[in-house]
Amino acid sequence: MNMRMRRILRMAAMTLGFTGLFAAANAVPGGATPPDRFGSQILGHGTYVTHASLRLQTGLEIVVVQNTIQPGGSSGWHSHPGGAIVVVEVGELTTYKAAKGDDQEGSSSDRARGGQFPHCIITRYTQGQAFSESPGEPLIAVNTGSIVATTLATFPGVPVDKVTGKTLQRTDEPNPGTCPV
């Protein structure tokens, strides 16, 4: 057998080997179990555009709500003990948050828009965007659009009132006086 023939046979064997490896790797998902009497419906989704993180503790509740905000309406100043993850399903919201010295959230244009309010971070979120609210950090969300805004919000790490059994995902807060709302 000459050198050329050996190379051709070696290439054929390697191609066959890689083809077999590829087929075996793709056959693994075939062994997965399909759902049985199980349904799932996506209520909303959005691209995450903030930089905060949330910590979860065992034993606390997770609450999911749908909010509707009329044009010009607001959430009022509030915070969440475990934070929040919010998806803007329809419309737009503008959040106003009292800034801390090291706060980097929001884009430079958002911070520049707050020029006359240097201790306020103003961020606009539109349909299909998602953001988070840090635990215990007061803010207000205002519908600055012309249509009813709808959001889906997940509140991780929510305490439960031991007397009433109600979840305590929201804490009303006073206006810090650093933002134009």
N, C-alpha and C. Protein backbone atom coordinates (compact mmCIF):
# COMPACT_ATOMS: atom_id res chain seq x y z
N MET A 1 0.86 -1.17 0.00
CA MET A 1 0.00 0.00 0.00
C MET A 1 0.90 1.23 0.00
N ASN A 2 0.63 2.12 -0.93
CA ASN A 2 1.50 3.30 -1.00
C ASN A 2 1.05 4.37 0.01
N MET A 3 1.87 5.41 0.13
CA MET A 3 1.67 6.48 1.11
C MET A 3 0.35 7.22 0.88
N ARG A 4 0.01 7.45 -0.36
CA ARG A 4 -1.22 8.19 -0.69
C ARG A 4 -2.44 7.39 -0.26
N MET A 5 -2.44 6.12 -0.50
CA MET A 5 -3.58 5.26 -0.15
C MET A 5 -3.75 5.21 1.38
N ARG A 6 -2.63 5.15 2.14
CA ARG A 6 -2.71 5.16 3.59
C ARG A 6 -3.35 6.45 4.10
N ARG A 7 -2.96 7.57 3.51
CA ARG A 7 -3.55 8.86 3.91
C ARG A 7 -5.05 8.88 3.65
N ILE A 8 -5.46 8.40 2.50
CA ILE A 8 -6.90 8.37 2.16
C ILE A 8 -7.64 7.49 3.15
N LEU A 9 -7.09 6.30 3.47
CA LEU A 9 -7.75 5.41 4.43
C LEU A 9 -7.80 6.05 5.83
N ARG A 10 -6.70 6.72 6.23
CA ARG A 10 -6.66 7.40 7.53
C ARG A 10 -7.72 8.51 7.60
N MET A 11 -7.82 9.30 6.54
CA MET A 11 -8.82 10.38 6.49
C MET A 11 -10.24 9.80 6.53
N ALA A 12 -10.47 8.71 5.81
CA ALA A 12 -11.79 8.08 5.81
C ALA A 12 -12.13 7.55 7.20
N ALA A 13 -11.16 6.95 7.89
CA ALA A 13 -11.40 6.42 9.23
C ALA A 13 -11.68 7.56 10.22
N MET A 14 -10.91 8.65 10.10
CA MET A 14 -11.14 9.79 11.00
C MET A 14 -12.50 10.42 10.73
N THR A 15 -12.88 10.55 9.48
CA THR A 15 -14.19 11.12 9.14
C THR A 15 -15.30 10.24 9.69
N LEU A 16 -15.16 8.94 9.51
CA LEU A 16 -16.15 8.00 10.02
C LEU A 16 -16.21 8.07 11.56
N GLY A 17 -15.05 8.16 12.20
CA GLY A 17 -15.00 8.26 13.66
C GLY A 17 -15.67 9.52 14.18
N PHE A 18 -15.36 10.68 13.55
CA PHE A 18 -15.99 11.93 13.97
C PHE A 18 -17.49 11.92 13.70
N THR A 19 -17.91 11.30 12.61
CA THR A 19 -19.33 11.20 12.30
C THR A 19 -20.04 10.36 13.38
N GLY A 20 -19.41 9.27 13.77
CA GLY A 20 -19.98 8.43 14.83
C GLY A 20 -20.03 9.16 16.16
N LEU A 21 -18.99 9.91 16.48
CA LEU A 21 -18.96 10.69 17.72
C LEU A 21 -20.06 11.74 17.72
N PHE A 22 -20.21 12.43 16.60
CA PHE A 22 -21.24 13.45 16.46
C PHE A 22 -22.63 12.83 16.62
N ALA A 23 -22.87 11.69 15.98
CA ALA A 23 -24.17 11.01 16.07
C ALA A 23 -24.44 10.56 17.51
N ALA A 24 -23.43 10.06 18.20
CA ALA A 24 -23.62 9.61 19.58
C ALA A 24 -23.92 10.78 20.51
N ALA A 25 -23.22 11.88 20.30
CA ALA A 25 -23.45 13.05 21.15
C ALA A 25 -24.85 13.61 20.96
N ASN A 26 -25.36 13.58 19.75
CA ASN A 26 -26.70 14.10 19.48
C ASN A 26 -27.80 13.12 19.84
N ALA A 27 -27.46 11.88 20.08
CA ALA A 27 -28.47 10.89 20.47
C ALA A 27 -28.82 10.99 21.95
N VAL A 28 -27.94 11.58 22.75
CA VAL A 28 -28.16 11.68 24.20
C VAL A 28 -29.48 12.37 24.53
N PRO A 29 -29.82 13.55 23.91
CA PRO A 29 -31.10 14.17 24.25
C PRO A 29 -32.29 13.26 23.98
N GLY A 30 -32.16 12.30 23.10
CA GLY A 30 -33.24 11.36 22.83
C GLY A 30 -33.59 10.53 24.05
N GLY A 31 -32.68 10.45 25.01
CA GLY A 31 -32.91 9.69 26.21
C GLY A 31 -33.63 10.49 27.29
N ALA A 32 -33.88 11.78 27.03
CA ALA A 32 -34.57 12.62 28.01
C ALA A 32 -36.02 12.19 28.15
N THR A 33 -36.61 12.41 29.31
CA THR A 33 -38.01 12.06 29.50
C THR A 33 -38.89 13.23 29.07
N PRO A 34 -39.92 12.97 28.29
CA PRO A 34 -40.81 14.06 27.86
C PRO A 34 -41.75 14.45 29.00
N PRO A 35 -42.28 15.68 28.96
CA PRO A 35 -43.24 16.08 29.98
C PRO A 35 -44.50 15.20 29.93
N ASP A 36 -45.15 15.04 31.07
CA ASP A 36 -46.35 14.24 31.16
C ASP A 36 -47.39 15.02 31.93
N ARG A 37 -48.50 15.39 31.29
CA ARG A 37 -49.56 16.20 31.90
C ARG A 37 -48.99 17.46 32.54
N PHE A 38 -48.16 18.15 31.78
CA PHE A 38 -47.44 19.33 32.25
C PHE A 38 -47.62 20.43 31.22
N GLY A 39 -47.99 21.62 31.67
CA GLY A 39 -48.13 22.75 30.76
C GLY A 39 -47.34 23.94 31.26
N SER A 40 -46.93 24.78 30.35
CA SER A 40 -46.18 25.97 30.72
C SER A 40 -46.55 27.09 29.76
N GLN A 41 -46.79 28.26 30.30
CA GLN A 41 -47.13 29.41 29.46
C GLN A 41 -46.23 30.57 29.85
N ILE A 42 -45.50 31.09 28.89
CA ILE A 42 -44.65 32.25 29.15
C ILE A 42 -45.57 33.46 29.29
N LEU A 43 -45.47 34.15 30.40
CA LEU A 43 -46.28 35.33 30.64
C LEU A 43 -45.60 36.59 30.09
N GLY A 44 -44.31 36.55 30.00
CA GLY A 44 -43.56 37.68 29.46
C GLY A 44 -42.08 37.37 29.52
N HIS A 45 -41.32 38.14 28.78
CA HIS A 45 -39.87 38.02 28.83
C HIS A 45 -39.27 39.35 28.43
N GLY A 46 -38.05 39.59 28.85
CA GLY A 46 -37.39 40.84 28.53
C GLY A 46 -35.89 40.69 28.62
N THR A 47 -35.19 41.59 28.00
CA THR A 47 -33.73 41.60 28.04
C THR A 47 -33.29 42.35 29.28
N TYR A 48 -32.47 41.74 30.09
CA TYR A 48 -32.01 42.31 31.36
C TYR A 48 -31.05 43.45 31.07
N VAL A 49 -31.33 44.65 31.60
CA VAL A 49 -30.53 45.83 31.27
C VAL A 49 -29.92 46.52 32.50
N THR A 50 -30.01 45.93 33.69
CA THR A 50 -29.39 46.55 34.87
C THR A 50 -28.25 45.67 35.37
N HIS A 51 -27.56 46.13 36.40
CA HIS A 51 -26.37 45.43 36.86
C HIS A 51 -26.46 44.96 38.31
N ALA A 52 -27.63 44.92 38.88
CA ALA A 52 -27.77 44.53 40.29
C ALA A 52 -27.86 43.02 40.43
N SER A 53 -27.64 42.52 41.62
CA SER A 53 -27.83 41.10 41.89
C SER A 53 -28.70 40.96 43.14
N LEU A 54 -29.38 39.84 43.23
CA LEU A 54 -30.29 39.59 44.34
C LEU A 54 -29.86 38.31 45.04
N ARG A 55 -29.90 38.32 46.36
CA ARG A 55 -29.56 37.14 47.15
C ARG A 55 -30.85 36.50 47.66
N LEU A 56 -30.90 35.19 47.63
CA LEU A 56 -32.08 34.47 48.11
C LEU A 56 -31.76 33.73 49.39
N GLN A 57 -32.74 33.71 50.30
CA GLN A 57 -32.60 32.97 51.55
C GLN A 57 -33.62 31.84 51.59
N THR A 58 -33.22 30.72 52.07
CA THR A 58 -34.11 29.58 52.22
C THR A 58 -35.24 29.93 53.18
N GLY A 59 -36.45 29.48 52.86
CA GLY A 59 -37.58 29.66 53.76
C GLY A 59 -38.41 30.90 53.49
N LEU A 60 -37.94 31.80 52.64
CA LEU A 60 -38.74 32.98 52.31
C LEU A 60 -39.53 32.71 51.04
N GLU A 61 -40.58 33.48 50.84
CA GLU A 61 -41.47 33.28 49.71
C GLU A 61 -40.94 33.97 48.46
N ILE A 62 -41.43 33.53 47.31
CA ILE A 62 -41.22 34.21 46.03
C ILE A 62 -42.61 34.53 45.51
N VAL A 63 -42.84 35.80 45.18
CA VAL A 63 -44.15 36.27 44.74
C VAL A 63 -44.01 36.82 43.32
N VAL A 64 -44.98 36.51 42.45
CA VAL A 64 -45.01 37.03 41.09
C VAL A 64 -46.33 37.77 40.90
N VAL A 65 -46.25 39.01 40.39
CA VAL A 65 -47.46 39.81 40.18
C VAL A 65 -47.44 40.44 38.80
N GLN A 66 -48.62 40.79 38.33
CA GLN A 66 -48.75 41.60 37.12
C GLN A 66 -49.25 42.96 37.55
N ASN A 67 -48.56 44.02 37.14
CA ASN A 67 -48.94 45.38 37.48
C ASN A 67 -49.45 46.09 36.23
N THR A 68 -50.46 46.94 36.41
CA THR A 68 -50.90 47.83 35.33
C THR A 68 -50.81 49.26 35.84
N ILE A 69 -50.22 50.13 35.02
CA ILE A 69 -50.01 51.51 35.41
C ILE A 69 -50.60 52.40 34.32
N GLN A 70 -51.58 53.21 34.68
CA GLN A 70 -52.21 54.12 33.73
C GLN A 70 -51.21 55.20 33.29
N PRO A 71 -51.39 55.81 32.10
CA PRO A 71 -50.51 56.90 31.69
C PRO A 71 -50.47 57.98 32.77
N GLY A 72 -49.29 58.38 33.17
CA GLY A 72 -49.12 59.37 34.23
C GLY A 72 -49.17 58.80 35.63
N GLY A 73 -49.57 57.52 35.76
CA GLY A 73 -49.65 56.88 37.07
C GLY A 73 -48.28 56.46 37.57
N SER A 74 -48.21 56.15 38.86
CA SER A 74 -46.93 55.75 39.44
C SER A 74 -47.12 54.67 40.49
N SER A 75 -46.01 54.06 40.84
CA SER A 75 -46.00 53.04 41.88
C SER A 75 -45.96 53.65 43.27
N GLY A 76 -45.68 54.96 43.36
CA GLY A 76 -45.41 55.58 44.65
C GLY A 76 -44.02 55.17 45.09
N TRP A 77 -43.43 55.95 45.99
CA TRP A 77 -42.10 55.60 46.50
C TRP A 77 -42.23 54.32 47.31
N HIS A 78 -41.37 53.36 47.02
CA HIS A 78 -41.45 52.06 47.68
C HIS A 78 -40.11 51.34 47.60
N SER A 79 -40.01 50.25 48.33
CA SER A 79 -38.86 49.35 48.23
C SER A 79 -39.38 47.92 48.40
N HIS A 80 -38.49 46.96 48.21
CA HIS A 80 -38.85 45.55 48.36
C HIS A 80 -37.80 44.89 49.25
N PRO A 81 -38.22 44.18 50.31
CA PRO A 81 -37.25 43.59 51.23
C PRO A 81 -36.29 42.60 50.56
N GLY A 82 -36.75 41.89 49.54
CA GLY A 82 -35.89 40.93 48.84
C GLY A 82 -35.51 41.39 47.46
N GLY A 83 -35.84 42.62 47.10
CA GLY A 83 -35.57 43.12 45.75
C GLY A 83 -36.68 42.72 44.79
N ALA A 84 -36.47 43.00 43.53
CA ALA A 84 -37.47 42.68 42.51
C ALA A 84 -36.80 42.51 41.16
N ILE A 85 -37.41 41.69 40.32
CA ILE A 85 -37.04 41.56 38.92
C ILE A 85 -38.30 41.92 38.14
N VAL A 86 -38.20 42.93 37.28
CA VAL A 86 -39.37 43.47 36.59
C VAL A 86 -39.19 43.35 35.07
N VAL A 87 -40.21 42.87 34.39
CA VAL A 87 -40.23 42.82 32.92
C VAL A 87 -41.31 43.77 32.45
N VAL A 88 -40.95 44.70 31.57
CA VAL A 88 -41.94 45.61 30.99
C VAL A 88 -42.59 44.86 29.82
N GLU A 89 -43.83 44.48 30.04
CA GLU A 89 -44.56 43.68 29.07
C GLU A 89 -45.15 44.56 27.96
N VAL A 90 -45.72 45.71 28.36
CA VAL A 90 -46.34 46.64 27.42
C VAL A 90 -46.05 48.05 27.91
N GLY A 91 -45.79 48.97 26.98
CA GLY A 91 -45.63 50.38 27.34
C GLY A 91 -44.23 50.73 27.77
N GLU A 92 -44.14 51.75 28.61
CA GLU A 92 -42.85 52.21 29.12
C GLU A 92 -42.98 52.73 30.54
N LEU A 93 -41.89 52.65 31.27
CA LEU A 93 -41.80 53.16 32.63
C LEU A 93 -40.52 53.96 32.77
N THR A 94 -40.56 54.96 33.60
CA THR A 94 -39.35 55.67 33.98
C THR A 94 -39.21 55.52 35.48
N THR A 95 -38.05 55.04 35.91
CA THR A 95 -37.80 54.91 37.34
C THR A 95 -36.94 56.06 37.82
N TYR A 96 -37.21 56.48 39.04
CA TYR A 96 -36.45 57.54 39.71
C TYR A 96 -35.94 56.95 41.00
N LYS A 97 -34.62 57.02 41.19
CA LYS A 97 -34.01 56.40 42.36
C LYS A 97 -33.01 57.38 42.96
N ALA A 98 -33.11 57.58 44.26
CA ALA A 98 -32.14 58.43 44.95
C ALA A 98 -30.76 57.80 44.81
N ALA A 99 -29.79 58.57 44.30
CA ALA A 99 -28.45 58.06 44.03
C ALA A 99 -27.60 58.05 45.28
N LYS A 100 -26.72 57.06 45.34
CA LYS A 100 -25.70 56.99 46.38
C LYS A 100 -24.39 57.37 45.71
N GLY A 101 -23.39 57.69 46.45
CA GLY A 101 -22.11 58.13 45.90
C GLY A 101 -21.48 57.16 44.93
N ASP A 102 -21.62 55.84 45.16
CA ASP A 102 -20.97 54.86 44.30
C ASP A 102 -21.93 54.21 43.31
N ASP A 103 -23.12 54.75 43.18
CA ASP A 103 -24.14 54.15 42.32
C ASP A 103 -23.79 54.35 40.85
N GLN A 104 -23.71 53.26 40.10
CA GLN A 104 -23.35 53.32 38.68
C GLN A 104 -24.48 52.86 37.77
N GLU A 105 -25.64 52.58 38.32
CA GLU A 105 -26.74 52.07 37.52
C GLU A 105 -27.26 53.15 36.59
N GLY A 106 -27.81 52.75 35.46
CA GLY A 106 -28.32 53.70 34.47
C GLY A 106 -27.20 54.07 33.51
N SER A 107 -27.56 54.54 32.35
CA SER A 107 -26.55 54.94 31.38
C SER A 107 -26.09 56.35 31.67
N SER A 108 -25.00 56.76 31.01
CA SER A 108 -24.49 58.11 31.24
C SER A 108 -25.52 59.15 30.81
N SER A 109 -26.31 58.85 29.77
CA SER A 109 -27.34 59.80 29.35
C SER A 109 -28.44 59.88 30.40
N ASP A 110 -28.73 58.75 31.09
CA ASP A 110 -29.73 58.78 32.16
C ASP A 110 -29.25 59.69 33.28
N ARG A 111 -27.98 59.54 33.65
CA ARG A 111 -27.45 60.38 34.73
C ARG A 111 -27.39 61.83 34.28
N ALA A 112 -27.06 62.08 33.01
CA ALA A 112 -26.99 63.45 32.52
C ALA A 112 -28.37 64.10 32.52
N ARG A 113 -29.41 63.30 32.21
CA ARG A 113 -30.78 63.85 32.23
C ARG A 113 -31.15 64.31 33.63
N GLY A 114 -30.53 63.72 34.62
CA GLY A 114 -30.79 64.12 35.99
C GLY A 114 -29.88 65.27 36.42
N GLY A 115 -29.31 65.99 35.45
CA GLY A 115 -28.36 67.05 35.73
C GLY A 115 -28.81 68.03 36.79
N GLN A 116 -30.06 68.48 36.71
CA GLN A 116 -30.53 69.40 37.74
C GLN A 116 -30.92 68.67 39.02
N PHE A 117 -30.90 67.35 38.98
CA PHE A 117 -31.15 66.51 40.15
C PHE A 117 -29.98 65.53 40.27
N PRO A 118 -28.79 66.01 40.65
CA PRO A 118 -27.59 65.17 40.59
C PRO A 118 -27.63 63.95 41.50
N HIS A 119 -28.55 63.90 42.44
CA HIS A 119 -28.63 62.75 43.33
C HIS A 119 -29.83 61.87 43.01
N CYS A 120 -30.20 61.87 41.72
CA CYS A 120 -31.32 61.07 41.25
C CYS A 120 -30.91 60.34 39.97
N ILE A 121 -31.13 59.03 39.95
CA ILE A 121 -30.86 58.26 38.73
C ILE A 121 -32.20 58.03 38.05
N ILE A 122 -32.30 58.53 36.83
CA ILE A 122 -33.54 58.45 36.06
C ILE A 122 -33.29 57.49 34.90
N THR A 123 -34.08 56.42 34.83
CA THR A 123 -33.89 55.42 33.79
C THR A 123 -35.22 55.08 33.15
N ARG A 124 -35.26 55.09 31.83
CA ARG A 124 -36.47 54.76 31.08
C ARG A 124 -36.37 53.32 30.58
N TYR A 125 -37.43 52.56 30.80
CA TYR A 125 -37.50 51.18 30.34
C TYR A 125 -38.70 51.05 29.40
N THR A 126 -38.50 50.34 28.31
CA THR A 126 -39.57 50.16 27.33
C THR A 126 -39.93 48.68 27.20
N GLN A 127 -40.99 48.43 26.46
CA GLN A 127 -41.49 47.08 26.25
C GLN A 127 -40.34 46.15 25.85
N GLY A 128 -40.28 45.00 26.52
CA GLY A 128 -39.25 44.01 26.20
C GLY A 128 -37.98 44.16 27.00
N GLN A 129 -37.90 45.16 27.88
CA GLN A 129 -36.72 45.31 28.73
C GLN A 129 -37.05 44.82 30.14
N ALA A 130 -36.02 44.39 30.84
CA ALA A 130 -36.18 43.91 32.21
C ALA A 130 -35.14 44.60 33.09
N PHE A 131 -35.49 44.81 34.34
CA PHE A 131 -34.57 45.44 35.27
C PHE A 131 -34.80 44.88 36.66
N SER A 132 -33.86 45.16 37.56
CA SER A 132 -34.03 44.70 38.93
C SER A 132 -33.98 45.88 39.88
N GLU A 133 -34.60 45.69 41.02
CA GLU A 133 -34.58 46.67 42.10
C GLU A 133 -33.86 46.00 43.26
N SER A 134 -32.88 46.68 43.81
CA SER A 134 -32.10 46.11 44.92
C SER A 134 -32.93 46.10 46.21
N PRO A 135 -32.70 45.13 47.08
CA PRO A 135 -33.45 45.05 48.34
C PRO A 135 -33.33 46.34 49.16
N GLY A 136 -34.48 46.81 49.65
CA GLY A 136 -34.51 47.96 50.54
C GLY A 136 -34.18 49.30 49.91
N GLU A 137 -34.03 49.36 48.59
CA GLU A 137 -33.65 50.61 47.92
C GLU A 137 -34.90 51.32 47.37
N PRO A 138 -35.24 52.49 47.92
CA PRO A 138 -36.45 53.19 47.49
C PRO A 138 -36.36 53.72 46.06
N LEU A 139 -37.47 53.56 45.36
CA LEU A 139 -37.60 54.16 44.03
C LEU A 139 -39.07 54.35 43.72
N ILE A 140 -39.33 55.06 42.64
CA ILE A 140 -40.68 55.25 42.13
C ILE A 140 -40.65 54.96 40.64
N ALA A 141 -41.66 54.27 40.14
CA ALA A 141 -41.79 53.97 38.72
C ALA A 141 -43.00 54.73 38.20
N VAL A 142 -42.80 55.50 37.12
CA VAL A 142 -43.86 56.33 36.57
C VAL A 142 -44.11 55.91 35.12
N ASN A 143 -45.38 55.77 34.74
CA ASN A 143 -45.72 55.51 33.35
C ASN A 143 -45.61 56.84 32.61
N THR A 144 -44.53 57.03 31.89
CA THR A 144 -44.30 58.27 31.14
C THR A 144 -44.74 58.13 29.70
N GLY A 145 -45.42 57.05 29.38
CA GLY A 145 -45.92 56.83 28.03
C GLY A 145 -47.36 57.27 27.89
N SER A 146 -47.92 56.98 26.73
CA SER A 146 -49.29 57.41 26.44
C SER A 146 -50.30 56.27 26.49
N ILE A 147 -49.82 55.04 26.79
CA ILE A 147 -50.72 53.89 26.90
C ILE A 147 -50.55 53.24 28.27
N VAL A 148 -51.50 52.39 28.62
CA VAL A 148 -51.40 51.65 29.88
C VAL A 148 -50.16 50.75 29.81
N ALA A 149 -49.32 50.82 30.82
CA ALA A 149 -48.14 49.97 30.89
C ALA A 149 -48.46 48.73 31.73
N THR A 150 -47.90 47.61 31.34
CA THR A 150 -48.07 46.37 32.07
C THR A 150 -46.70 45.79 32.37
N THR A 151 -46.49 45.38 33.61
CA THR A 151 -45.24 44.74 33.99
C THR A 151 -45.53 43.42 34.69
N LEU A 152 -44.57 42.54 34.62
CA LEU A 152 -44.58 41.32 35.41
C LEU A 152 -43.42 41.47 36.38
N ALA A 153 -43.66 41.29 37.65
CA ALA A 153 -42.63 41.47 38.65
C ALA A 153 -42.50 40.22 39.51
N THR A 154 -41.27 39.82 39.75
CA THR A 154 -40.97 38.69 40.63
C THR A 154 -40.24 39.25 41.84
N PHE A 155 -40.74 38.91 43.01
CA PHE A 155 -40.17 39.37 44.27
C PHE A 155 -39.60 38.16 45.01
N PRO A 156 -38.30 37.98 44.98
CA PRO A 156 -37.70 36.86 45.72
C PRO A 156 -37.45 37.25 47.17
N GLY A 157 -37.41 36.29 48.03
CA GLY A 157 -37.06 36.55 49.43
C GLY A 157 -38.06 37.40 50.16
N VAL A 158 -39.35 37.09 50.02
CA VAL A 158 -40.41 37.88 50.63
C VAL A 158 -40.79 37.29 52.00
N PRO A 159 -40.75 38.11 53.06
CA PRO A 159 -41.22 37.62 54.35
C PRO A 159 -42.74 37.50 54.38
N VAL A 160 -43.24 36.70 55.31
CA VAL A 160 -44.68 36.50 55.48
C VAL A 160 -45.06 36.97 56.88
N ASP A 161 -46.13 37.75 56.96
CA ASP A 161 -46.64 38.20 58.26
C ASP A 161 -47.15 36.98 59.01
N LYS A 162 -46.61 36.70 60.18
CA LYS A 162 -46.97 35.50 60.94
C LYS A 162 -48.40 35.53 61.45
N VAL A 163 -48.95 36.71 61.62
CA VAL A 163 -50.32 36.82 62.14
C VAL A 163 -51.33 36.66 61.01
N THR A 164 -51.15 37.43 59.92
CA THR A 164 -52.15 37.43 58.85
C THR A 164 -51.86 36.41 57.76
N GLY A 165 -50.60 35.97 57.64
CA GLY A 165 -50.23 35.04 56.57
C GLY A 165 -50.01 35.74 55.24
N LYS A 166 -50.12 37.07 55.20
CA LYS A 166 -49.93 37.82 53.95
C LYS A 166 -48.45 37.99 53.64
N THR A 167 -48.15 37.99 52.35
CA THR A 167 -46.77 38.24 51.94
C THR A 167 -46.48 39.74 52.00
N LEU A 168 -45.25 40.06 52.35
CA LEU A 168 -44.84 41.46 52.54
C LEU A 168 -43.78 41.83 51.51
N GLN A 169 -44.19 41.83 50.23
CA GLN A 169 -43.21 42.09 49.17
C GLN A 169 -42.93 43.57 48.94
N ARG A 170 -43.73 44.46 49.50
CA ARG A 170 -43.58 45.89 49.25
C ARG A 170 -43.60 46.67 50.56
N THR A 171 -42.71 47.70 50.62
CA THR A 171 -42.68 48.60 51.75
C THR A 171 -42.84 50.02 51.20
N ASP A 172 -43.90 50.72 51.61
CA ASP A 172 -44.06 52.12 51.18
C ASP A 172 -42.98 52.97 51.82
N GLU A 173 -42.44 53.92 51.06
CA GLU A 173 -41.31 54.74 51.52
C GLU A 173 -41.66 56.21 51.34
N PRO A 174 -41.06 57.10 52.15
CA PRO A 174 -41.26 58.54 51.95
C PRO A 174 -40.45 59.03 50.75
N ASN A 175 -40.89 60.11 50.13
CA ASN A 175 -40.16 60.72 49.03
C ASN A 175 -38.84 61.28 49.58
N PRO A 176 -37.67 60.85 49.05
CA PRO A 176 -36.41 61.34 49.59
C PRO A 176 -36.10 62.78 49.20
N GLY A 177 -36.89 63.35 48.29
CA GLY A 177 -36.72 64.74 47.91
C GLY A 177 -35.56 65.02 46.98
N THR A 178 -34.96 63.99 46.40
CA THR A 178 -33.82 64.19 45.51
C THR A 178 -34.17 64.04 44.03
N CYS A 179 -35.43 63.69 43.74
CA CYS A 179 -35.85 63.46 42.36
C CYS A 179 -37.00 64.38 42.00
N PRO A 180 -37.23 64.61 40.71
CA PRO A 180 -38.27 65.55 40.28
C PRO A 180 -39.70 65.03 40.36
N VAL A 181 -39.92 63.94 41.06
CA VAL A 181 -41.29 63.42 41.21
C VAL A 181 -41.67 63.30 42.66
